[in-house]
C-alpha atoms as a PDB file:
ATOM      1  CA  MET A   1      78.751 119.345 -58.105  1.00  0.00           C
ATOM      2  CA  THR A   2      77.386 115.797 -58.211  1.00  0.00           C
ATOM      3  CA  LEU A   3      74.749 114.979 -55.606  1.00  0.00           C
ATOM      4  CA  ASN A   4      75.814 112.377 -53.041  1.00  0.00           C
ATOM      5  CA  VAL A   5      73.063 109.939 -52.075  1.00  0.00           C
ATOM      6  CA  ILE A   6      72.770 107.523 -49.153  1.00  0.00           C
ATOM      7  CA  ASP A   7      69.667 105.377 -49.507  1.00  0.00           C
ATOM      8  CA  SER A   8      68.414 104.882 -45.949  1.00  0.00           C
ATOM      9  CA  HIS A   9      66.111 101.969 -46.774  1.00  0.00           C
ATOM     10  CA  PHE A  10      66.580  99.257 -49.347  1.00  0.00           C
ATOM     11  CA  HIS A  11      66.076  95.489 -49.515  1.00  0.00           C
ATOM     12  CA  ILE A  12      67.826  92.734 -51.416  1.00  0.00           C
ATOM     13  CA  TRP A  13      66.816  89.084 -51.616  1.00  0.00           C
ATOM     14  CA  ASP A  14      67.077  85.882 -53.626  1.00  0.00           C
ATOM     15  CA  PRO A  15      63.904  83.746 -53.648  1.00  0.00           C
ATOM     16  CA  ASP A  16      65.956  80.762 -54.819  1.00  0.00           C
ATOM     17  CA  ALA A  17      67.985  80.913 -51.610  1.00  0.00           C
ATOM     18  CA  GLN A  18      65.471  82.355 -49.129  1.00  0.00           C
ATOM     19  CA  ASP A  19      61.875  81.755 -48.120  1.00  0.00           C
ATOM     20  CA  LEU A  20      59.967  85.031 -47.984  1.00  0.00           C
ATOM     21  CA  PRO A  21      56.355  83.988 -47.328  1.00  0.00           C
ATOM     22  CA  TRP A  22      54.949  87.481 -47.899  1.00  0.00           C
ATOM     23  CA  LEU A  23      56.121  87.375 -51.531  1.00  0.00           C
ATOM     24  CA  ALA A  24      53.690  84.531 -52.309  1.00  0.00           C
ATOM     25  CA  GLY A  25      51.010  86.860 -53.666  1.00  0.00           C
ATOM     26  CA  LEU A  26      53.436  89.277 -55.331  1.00  0.00           C
ATOM     27  CA  PRO A  27      54.805  87.606 -58.465  1.00  0.00           C
ATOM     28  CA  SER A  28      56.305  90.856 -59.762  1.00  0.00           C
ATOM     29  CA  LEU A  29      58.776  90.845 -56.854  1.00  0.00           C
ATOM     30  CA  GLN A  30      59.712  87.182 -56.980  1.00  0.00           C
ATOM     31  CA  HIS A  31      63.135  87.854 -58.469  1.00  0.00           C
ATOM     32  CA  ARG A  32      66.694  88.131 -57.244  1.00  0.00           C
ATOM     33  CA  TYR A  33      67.634  91.692 -56.357  1.00  0.00           C
ATOM     34  CA  THR A  34      71.194  92.807 -55.620  1.00  0.00           C
ATOM     35  CA  VAL A  35      72.719  96.042 -54.400  1.00  0.00           C
ATOM     36  CA  ASP A  36      74.448  96.347 -57.768  1.00  0.00           C
ATOM     37  CA  ASP A  37      71.004  96.381 -59.393  1.00  0.00           C
ATOM     38  CA  LEU A  38      70.105  99.289 -57.127  1.00  0.00           C
ATOM     39  CA  ALA A  39      73.341 101.096 -58.006  1.00  0.00           C
ATOM     40  CA  ALA A  40      72.397 100.780 -61.681  1.00  0.00           C
ATOM     41  CA  GLU A  41      69.127 102.604 -60.976  1.00  0.00           C
ATOM     42  CA  TYR A  42      70.992 105.520 -59.399  1.00  0.00           C
ATOM     43  CA  ALA A  43      73.480 105.587 -62.275  1.00  0.00           C
ATOM     44  CA  LYS A  44      70.641 106.527 -64.625  1.00  0.00           C
ATOM     45  CA  PHE A  45      70.296 109.805 -62.705  1.00  0.00           C
ATOM     46  CA  GLY A  46      74.021 110.603 -62.711  1.00  0.00           C
ATOM     47  CA  VAL A  47      74.210 110.918 -58.917  1.00  0.00           C
ATOM     48  CA  ASN A  48      76.979 109.604 -56.689  1.00  0.00           C
ATOM     49  CA  PHE A  49      75.380 106.638 -54.905  1.00  0.00           C
ATOM     50  CA  LEU A  50      77.470 106.140 -51.773  1.00  0.00           C
ATOM     51  CA  GLY A  51      75.519 103.084 -50.633  1.00  0.00           C
ATOM     52  CA  GLY A  52      72.666 102.493 -48.272  1.00  0.00           C
ATOM     53  CA  VAL A  53      71.065 100.841 -45.289  1.00  0.00           C
ATOM     54  CA  TYR A  54      69.873  97.267 -45.698  1.00  0.00           C
ATOM     55  CA  VAL A  55      66.590  96.652 -43.873  1.00  0.00           C
ATOM     56  CA  GLU A  56      65.486  93.126 -42.953  1.00  0.00           C
ATOM     57  CA  VAL A  57      63.030  91.402 -45.303  1.00  0.00           C
ATOM     58  CA  ASP A  58      60.837  89.420 -42.855  1.00  0.00           C
ATOM     59  CA  ALA A  59      62.316  86.151 -44.082  1.00  0.00           C
ATOM     60  CA  ALA A  60      61.198  82.819 -42.649  1.00  0.00           C
ATOM     61  CA  ASP A  61      64.774  82.018 -41.588  1.00  0.00           C
ATOM     62  CA  HIS A  62      66.324  85.014 -39.856  1.00  0.00           C
ATOM     63  CA  GLU A  63      69.653  83.306 -39.227  1.00  0.00           C
ATOM     64  CA  LEU A  64      70.004  82.538 -42.929  1.00  0.00           C
ATOM     65  CA  GLU A  65      69.318  86.195 -43.704  1.00  0.00           C
ATOM     66  CA  ASP A  66      72.001  87.201 -41.187  1.00  0.00           C
ATOM     67  CA  ARG A  67      74.484  84.832 -42.815  1.00  0.00           C
ATOM     68  CA  LEU A  68      73.721  86.011 -46.348  1.00  0.00           C
ATOM     69  CA  LEU A  69      74.302  89.607 -45.240  1.00  0.00           C
ATOM     70  CA  TYR A  70      77.552  88.597 -43.537  1.00  0.00           C
ATOM     71  CA  GLU A  71      78.730  86.915 -46.727  1.00  0.00           C
ATOM     72  CA  ASN A  72      77.817  89.913 -48.864  1.00  0.00           C
ATOM     73  CA  ALA A  73      80.956  92.056 -48.877  1.00  0.00           C
ATOM     74  CA  SER A  74      79.591  94.866 -51.048  1.00  0.00           C
ATOM     75  CA  PRO A  75      80.941  98.226 -49.859  1.00  0.00           C
ATOM     76  CA  LEU A  76      77.566  99.705 -50.828  1.00  0.00           C
ATOM     77  CA  ILE A  77      75.920  98.051 -47.816  1.00  0.00           C
ATOM     78  CA  LEU A  78      76.749 100.701 -45.243  1.00  0.00           C
ATOM     79  CA  LYS A  79      74.593  99.443 -42.356  1.00  0.00           C
ATOM     80  CA  ARG A  80      72.440  96.408 -41.629  1.00  0.00           C
ATOM     81  CA  MET A  81      69.151  96.634 -39.749  1.00  0.00           C
ATOM     82  CA  LEU A  82      68.330  93.024 -38.922  1.00  0.00           C
ATOM     83  CA  GLN A  83      65.343  91.370 -37.298  1.00  0.00           C
ATOM     84  CA  GLY A  84      65.054  90.743 -33.576  1.00  0.00           C
ATOM     85  CA  ARG A  85      62.417  90.309 -30.899  1.00  0.00           C
ATOM     86  CA  VAL A  86      62.748  93.342 -28.639  1.00  0.00           C
ATOM     87  CA  ASN A  87      63.138  92.527 -24.951  1.00  0.00           C
ATOM     88  CA  PRO A  88      65.902  93.053 -22.357  1.00  0.00           C
ATOM     89  CA  TRP A  89      67.361  89.568 -22.994  1.00  0.00           C
ATOM     90  CA  MET A  90      67.077  89.716 -26.792  1.00  0.00           C
ATOM     91  CA  ARG A  91      69.460  87.972 -29.151  1.00  0.00           C
ATOM     92  CA  VAL A  92      71.106  90.423 -31.541  1.00  0.00           C
ATOM     93  CA  PRO A  93      72.953  89.252 -34.687  1.00  0.00           C
ATOM     94  CA  ILE A  94      76.617  90.092 -34.311  1.00  0.00           C
ATOM     95  CA  ASN A  95      76.658  91.880 -37.672  1.00  0.00           C
ATOM     96  CA  ALA A  96      73.570  93.997 -36.900  1.00  0.00           C
ATOM     97  CA  ASP A  97      73.886  97.775 -36.722  1.00  0.00           C
ATOM     98  CA  GLY A  98      70.342  98.055 -35.404  1.00  0.00           C
ATOM     99  CA  ILE A  99      67.141  96.074 -35.040  1.00  0.00           C
ATOM    100  CA  ARG A 100      63.739  96.029 -36.661  1.00  0.00           C
ATOM    101  CA  GLU A 101      60.905  94.045 -35.156  1.00  0.00           C
ATOM    102  CA  PRO A 102      58.143  94.197 -37.776  1.00  0.00           C
ATOM    103  CA  LEU A 103      55.154  95.806 -36.080  1.00  0.00           C
ATOM    104  CA  HIS A 104      53.226  96.201 -39.331  1.00  0.00           C
ATOM    105  CA  VAL A 105      52.518  92.545 -40.057  1.00  0.00           C
ATOM    106  CA  ASP A 106      49.183  90.863 -39.346  1.00  0.00           C
ATOM    107  CA  SER A 107      50.739  88.410 -36.883  1.00  0.00           C
ATOM    108  CA  GLU A 108      51.901  91.226 -34.584  1.00  0.00           C
ATOM    109  CA  PRO A 109      49.216  92.066 -32.005  1.00  0.00           C
ATOM    110  CA  ARG A 110      48.178  95.641 -31.405  1.00  0.00           C
ATOM    111  CA  GLY A 111      49.775  96.979 -28.257  1.00  0.00           C
ATOM    112  CA  ARG A 112      53.026  95.089 -28.707  1.00  0.00           C
ATOM    113  CA  ALA A 113      55.079  98.299 -28.567  1.00  0.00           C
ATOM    114  CA  LEU A 114      53.525  99.161 -25.191  1.00  0.00           C
ATOM    115  CA  GLU A 115      54.370  95.845 -23.546  1.00  0.00           C
ATOM    116  CA  PRO A 116      56.785  96.197 -20.598  1.00  0.00           C
ATOM    117  CA  GLU A 117      59.306  93.793 -22.134  1.00  0.00           C
ATOM    118  CA  PHE A 118      59.363  95.831 -25.354  1.00  0.00           C
ATOM    119  CA  ILE A 119      59.990  99.059 -23.442  1.00  0.00           C
ATOM    120  CA  ALA A 120      62.717  97.370 -21.374  1.00  0.00           C
ATOM    121  CA  GLY A 121      64.248  96.058 -24.597  1.00  0.00           C
ATOM    122  CA  LEU A 122      64.391  99.566 -26.039  1.00  0.00           C
ATOM    123  CA  ARG A 123      66.253 100.713 -22.924  1.00  0.00           C
ATOM    124  CA  ALA A 124      68.728  97.858 -23.393  1.00  0.00           C
ATOM    125  CA  MET A 125      69.206  98.853 -27.042  1.00  0.00           C
ATOM    126  CA  ALA A 126      69.810 102.471 -26.078  1.00  0.00           C
ATOM    127  CA  ALA A 127      72.448 101.373 -23.571  1.00  0.00           C
ATOM    128  CA  LYS A 128      74.234  99.483 -26.370  1.00  0.00           C
ATOM    129  CA  GLY A 129      73.877 102.338 -28.846  1.00  0.00           C
ATOM    130  CA  LEU A 130      71.634 100.306 -31.172  1.00  0.00           C
ATOM    131  CA  PRO A 131      68.956 102.183 -33.122  1.00  0.00           C
ATOM    132  CA  PHE A 132      65.463 100.775 -33.578  1.00  0.00           C
ATOM    133  CA  GLU A 133      63.928 100.684 -37.042  1.00  0.00           C
ATOM    134  CA  LEU A 134      60.201 101.376 -36.664  1.00  0.00           C
ATOM    135  CA  CYS A 135      57.703  99.992 -39.170  1.00  0.00           C
ATOM    136  CA  ASN A 136      54.164 100.104 -37.843  1.00  0.00           C
ATOM    137  CA  ARG A 137      50.566 100.033 -38.979  1.00  0.00           C
ATOM    138  CA  GLY A 138      49.513 103.609 -39.640  1.00  0.00           C
ATOM    139  CA  PRO A 139      46.510 103.775 -37.296  1.00  0.00           C
ATOM    140  CA  GLU A 140      48.765 102.652 -34.426  1.00  0.00           C
ATOM    141  CA  LEU A 141      51.250 105.508 -34.697  1.00  0.00           C
ATOM    142  CA  GLY A 142      49.828 106.988 -31.509  1.00  0.00           C
ATOM    143  CA  ASP A 143      50.833 103.812 -29.665  1.00  0.00           C
ATOM    144  CA  MET A 144      54.346 104.229 -31.048  1.00  0.00           C
ATOM    145  CA  ALA A 145      54.527 107.793 -29.777  1.00  0.00           C
ATOM    146  CA  LYS A 146      53.491 106.638 -26.285  1.00  0.00           C
ATOM    147  CA  ALA A 147      56.028 103.799 -26.326  1.00  0.00           C
ATOM    148  CA  PHE A 148      59.056 105.780 -27.470  1.00  0.00           C
ATOM    149  CA  ALA A 149      58.261 108.693 -25.183  1.00  0.00           C
ATOM    150  CA  GLN A 150      59.120 106.289 -22.360  1.00  0.00           C
ATOM    151  CA  VAL A 151      62.627 105.739 -23.796  1.00  0.00           C
ATOM    152  CA  PRO A 152      63.663 109.092 -25.274  1.00  0.00           C
ATOM    153  CA  GLU A 153      67.315 108.068 -25.161  1.00  0.00           C
ATOM    154  CA  VAL A 154      66.901 105.393 -27.864  1.00  0.00           C
ATOM    155  CA  THR A 155      67.394 106.316 -31.514  1.00  0.00           C
ATOM    156  CA  VAL A 156      64.192 105.533 -33.422  1.00  0.00           C
ATOM    157  CA  ILE A 157      64.064 105.741 -37.202  1.00  0.00           C
ATOM    158  CA  ILE A 158      60.501 105.775 -38.518  1.00  0.00           C
ATOM    159  CA  ASP A 159      59.897 104.029 -41.829  1.00  0.00           C
ATOM    160  CA  HIS A 160      57.617 105.186 -44.641  1.00  0.00           C
ATOM    161  CA  LEU A 161      56.371 108.474 -43.121  1.00  0.00           C
ATOM    162  CA  GLY A 162      54.946 106.436 -40.250  1.00  0.00           C
ATOM    163  CA  ASN A 163      52.539 104.758 -42.712  1.00  0.00           C
ATOM    164  CA  VAL A 164      50.018 107.438 -41.756  1.00  0.00           C
ATOM    165  CA  PRO A 165      46.699 107.173 -43.619  1.00  0.00           C
ATOM    166  CA  GLY A 166      46.513 110.959 -43.959  1.00  0.00           C
ATOM    167  CA  LEU A 167      46.774 114.224 -42.063  1.00  0.00           C
ATOM    168  CA  ASP A 168      43.950 113.491 -39.669  1.00  0.00           C
ATOM    169  CA  GLU A 169      44.154 114.959 -36.174  1.00  0.00           C
ATOM    170  CA  GLU A 170      45.337 111.716 -34.554  1.00  0.00           C
ATOM    171  CA  SER A 171      48.113 111.109 -37.101  1.00  0.00           C
ATOM    172  CA  CYS A 172      49.365 114.694 -36.888  1.00  0.00           C
ATOM    173  CA  ALA A 173      49.453 114.543 -33.083  1.00  0.00           C
ATOM    174  CA  ALA A 174      51.405 111.267 -33.148  1.00  0.00           C
ATOM    175  CA  LEU A 175      53.910 112.598 -35.678  1.00  0.00           C
ATOM    176  CA  ALA A 176      54.371 115.782 -33.662  1.00  0.00           C
ATOM    177  CA  ALA A 177      54.965 113.784 -30.465  1.00  0.00           C
ATOM    178  CA  LEU A 178      57.547 111.590 -32.172  1.00  0.00           C
ATOM    179  CA  ALA A 179      59.237 114.632 -33.700  1.00  0.00           C
ATOM    180  CA  GLU A 180      59.772 116.083 -30.231  1.00  0.00           C
ATOM    181  CA  LEU A 181      61.898 113.109 -29.164  1.00  0.00           C
ATOM    182  CA  PRO A 182      65.599 114.008 -29.177  1.00  0.00           C
ATOM    183  CA  ASN A 183      66.720 110.968 -31.181  1.00  0.00           C
ATOM    184  CA  SER A 184      63.908 110.472 -33.678  1.00  0.00           C
ATOM    185  CA  TYR A 185      64.201 110.437 -37.463  1.00  0.00           C
ATOM    186  CA  ILE A 186      61.688 109.751 -40.223  1.00  0.00           C
ATOM    187  CA  LYS A 187      62.018 108.479 -43.780  1.00  0.00           C
ATOM    188  CA  VAL A 188      60.317 109.626 -46.943  1.00  0.00           C
ATOM    189  CA  SER A 189      60.251 106.344 -48.792  1.00  0.00           C
ATOM    190  CA  GLY A 190      58.636 105.024 -51.928  1.00  0.00           C
ATOM    191  CA  ASP A 191      55.666 102.690 -52.160  1.00  0.00           C
ATOM    192  CA  ASN A 192      52.487 104.374 -53.189  1.00  0.00           C
ATOM    193  CA  PRO A 193      53.378 107.773 -54.622  1.00  0.00           C
ATOM    194  CA  VAL A 194      53.910 109.852 -51.507  1.00  0.00           C
ATOM    195  CA  ASP A 195      51.389 112.527 -50.611  1.00  0.00           C
ATOM    196  CA  PRO A 196      53.141 115.914 -50.925  1.00  0.00           C
ATOM    197  CA  ASP A 197      51.009 117.355 -48.122  1.00  0.00           C
ATOM    198  CA  ILE A 198      52.198 114.631 -45.730  1.00  0.00           C
ATOM    199  CA  VAL A 199      55.799 115.207 -46.829  1.00  0.00           C
ATOM    200  CA  LYS A 200      55.445 118.936 -46.158  1.00  0.00           C
ATOM    201  CA  TYR A 201      53.909 118.331 -42.732  1.00  0.00           C
ATOM    202  CA  VAL A 202      56.666 115.900 -41.774  1.00  0.00           C
ATOM    203  CA  ARG A 203      59.375 118.213 -43.065  1.00  0.00           C
ATOM    204  CA  ASP A 204      57.967 121.162 -41.119  1.00  0.00           C
ATOM    205  CA  THR A 205      57.354 119.103 -37.970  1.00  0.00           C
ATOM    206  CA  PHE A 206      60.595 117.120 -37.745  1.00  0.00           C
ATOM    207  CA  GLY A 207      62.813 119.838 -39.185  1.00  0.00           C
ATOM    208  CA  PRO A 208      65.518 119.652 -41.856  1.00  0.00           C
ATOM    209  CA  LYS A 209      67.969 117.560 -39.801  1.00  0.00           C
ATOM    210  CA  LYS A 210      65.691 114.588 -39.053  1.00  0.00           C
ATOM    211  CA  VAL A 211      64.085 113.682 -42.393  1.00  0.00           C
ATOM    212  CA  LEU A 212      65.813 110.982 -44.450  1.00  0.00           C
ATOM    213  CA  TYR A 213      65.629 109.994 -48.089  1.00  0.00           C
ATOM    214  CA  SER A 214      64.925 106.352 -48.835  1.00  0.00           C
ATOM    215  CA  SER A 215      63.848 104.394 -51.883  1.00  0.00           C
ATOM    216  CA  ASN A 216      62.219 101.319 -50.322  1.00  0.00           C
ATOM    217  CA  TRP A 217      63.580  99.501 -53.370  1.00  0.00           C
ATOM    218  CA  PRO A 218      62.457  97.100 -54.781  1.00  0.00           C
ATOM    219  CA  VAL A 219      59.114  97.276 -52.906  1.00  0.00           C
ATOM    220  CA  VAL A 220      58.646 100.712 -54.459  1.00  0.00           C
ATOM    221  CA  GLU A 221      58.052  98.923 -57.755  1.00  0.00           C
ATOM    222  CA  LEU A 222      54.743  97.477 -56.510  1.00  0.00           C
ATOM    223  CA  ASN A 223      52.696 100.666 -56.809  1.00  0.00           C
ATOM    224  CA  SER A 224      55.128 103.141 -58.321  1.00  0.00           C
ATOM    225  CA  THR A 225      58.660 102.969 -59.722  1.00  0.00           C
ATOM    226  CA  PHE A 226      62.104 103.761 -58.398  1.00  0.00           C
ATOM    227  CA  ALA A 227      62.544 106.452 -61.053  1.00  0.00           C
ATOM    228  CA  THR A 228      59.194 108.114 -60.275  1.00  0.00           C
ATOM    229  CA  HIS A 229      59.938 108.261 -56.563  1.00  0.00           C
ATOM    230  CA  PHE A 230      63.517 109.472 -56.912  1.00  0.00           C
ATOM    231  CA  GLN A 231      62.518 112.192 -59.374  1.00  0.00           C
ATOM    232  CA  LEU A 232      59.762 113.312 -57.015  1.00  0.00           C
ATOM    233  CA  MET A 233      62.302 113.545 -54.192  1.00  0.00           C
ATOM    234  CA  LEU A 234      64.629 115.623 -56.387  1.00  0.00           C
ATOM    235  CA  ASP A 235      61.750 117.894 -57.365  1.00  0.00           C
ATOM    236  CA  THR A 236      60.653 118.269 -53.725  1.00  0.00           C
ATOM    237  CA  PHE A 237      63.977 118.577 -51.915  1.00  0.00           C
ATOM    238  CA  GLY A 238      66.293 119.805 -54.653  1.00  0.00           C
ATOM    239  CA  GLU A 239      69.895 118.889 -53.889  1.00  0.00           C
ATOM    240  CA  ASP A 240      69.425 119.043 -50.121  1.00  0.00           C
ATOM    241  CA  GLU A 241      72.573 117.417 -48.733  1.00  0.00           C
ATOM    242  CA  ASP A 242      70.985 116.800 -45.347  1.00  0.00           C
ATOM    243  CA  PHE A 243      68.013 114.960 -46.821  1.00  0.00           C
ATOM    244  CA  PHE A 244      69.972 112.864 -49.295  1.00  0.00           C
ATOM    245  CA  GLU A 245      73.092 112.150 -47.228  1.00  0.00           C
ATOM    246  CA  ASN A 246      73.876 113.843 -43.918  1.00  0.00           C
ATOM    247  CA  ASN A 247      70.774 112.903 -41.944  1.00  0.00           C
ATOM    248  CA  ALA A 248      71.304 109.228 -42.735  1.00  0.00           C
ATOM    249  CA  ARG A 249      74.897 109.562 -41.540  1.00  0.00           C
ATOM    250  CA  ARG A 250      73.666 110.949 -38.221  1.00  0.00           C
ATOM    251  CA  ALA A 251      70.804 108.512 -37.721  1.00  0.00           C
ATOM    252  CA  TYR A 252      72.834 105.391 -38.475  1.00  0.00           C
ATOM    253  CA  ASN A 253      76.254 106.633 -37.378  1.00  0.00           C
ATOM    254  CA  ILE A 254      77.730 106.201 -40.847  1.00  0.00           C
ATOM    255  CA  ASP A 255      81.334 107.364 -41.111  1.00  0.00           C
END
């Protein structure tokens, strides 16, 4: 039987149409990327690529990004996690299925996730059934655990294995605390080749129903390749239907 795959984290962009300041020092990524390009990568493996979750690209013009996603009618874009500033009065794009406020960028101060308005914004998101896409600096994962413990009702989907620097005591404690939350999920996504020990710890700690496959394409091409990462995931997880499909359906409420 052919393996079904939902990619829980991909990006697409067009530098000719969008300003992405963070691409300035990354010439290898200064190209147009489409979801059809991503589908072609999966076709090389002979799997059934059902589509995936678009994650915001930290563009200079968020409204333009929202419009470009609205105009993109590809059935392979299953959900859209768009950018917003989390607070109880936040503006949410009408075509957003969830929100990511980038907490990993240099301009974001440490402690942002513990601010009262951020916590109140998470409660407002939970009331609306909107998941939060968490991308943080690795050493601050403990702050994230403290923040989301205050709003256990919100769905939080943790990007890139929490960006943990390793299995130090502090990182393990933060991951374990996040895993205990009833609506938490975590992604094994490509960038640097993932550490198999971290993957094993996350898999054991979060359990088989809360760990999601993601490619992080095309950012994965910076320090690895799509093919290397996907093959590693196949070697590690086999044809685990929860990892490659079902957990993403649950986390993002994909029909």
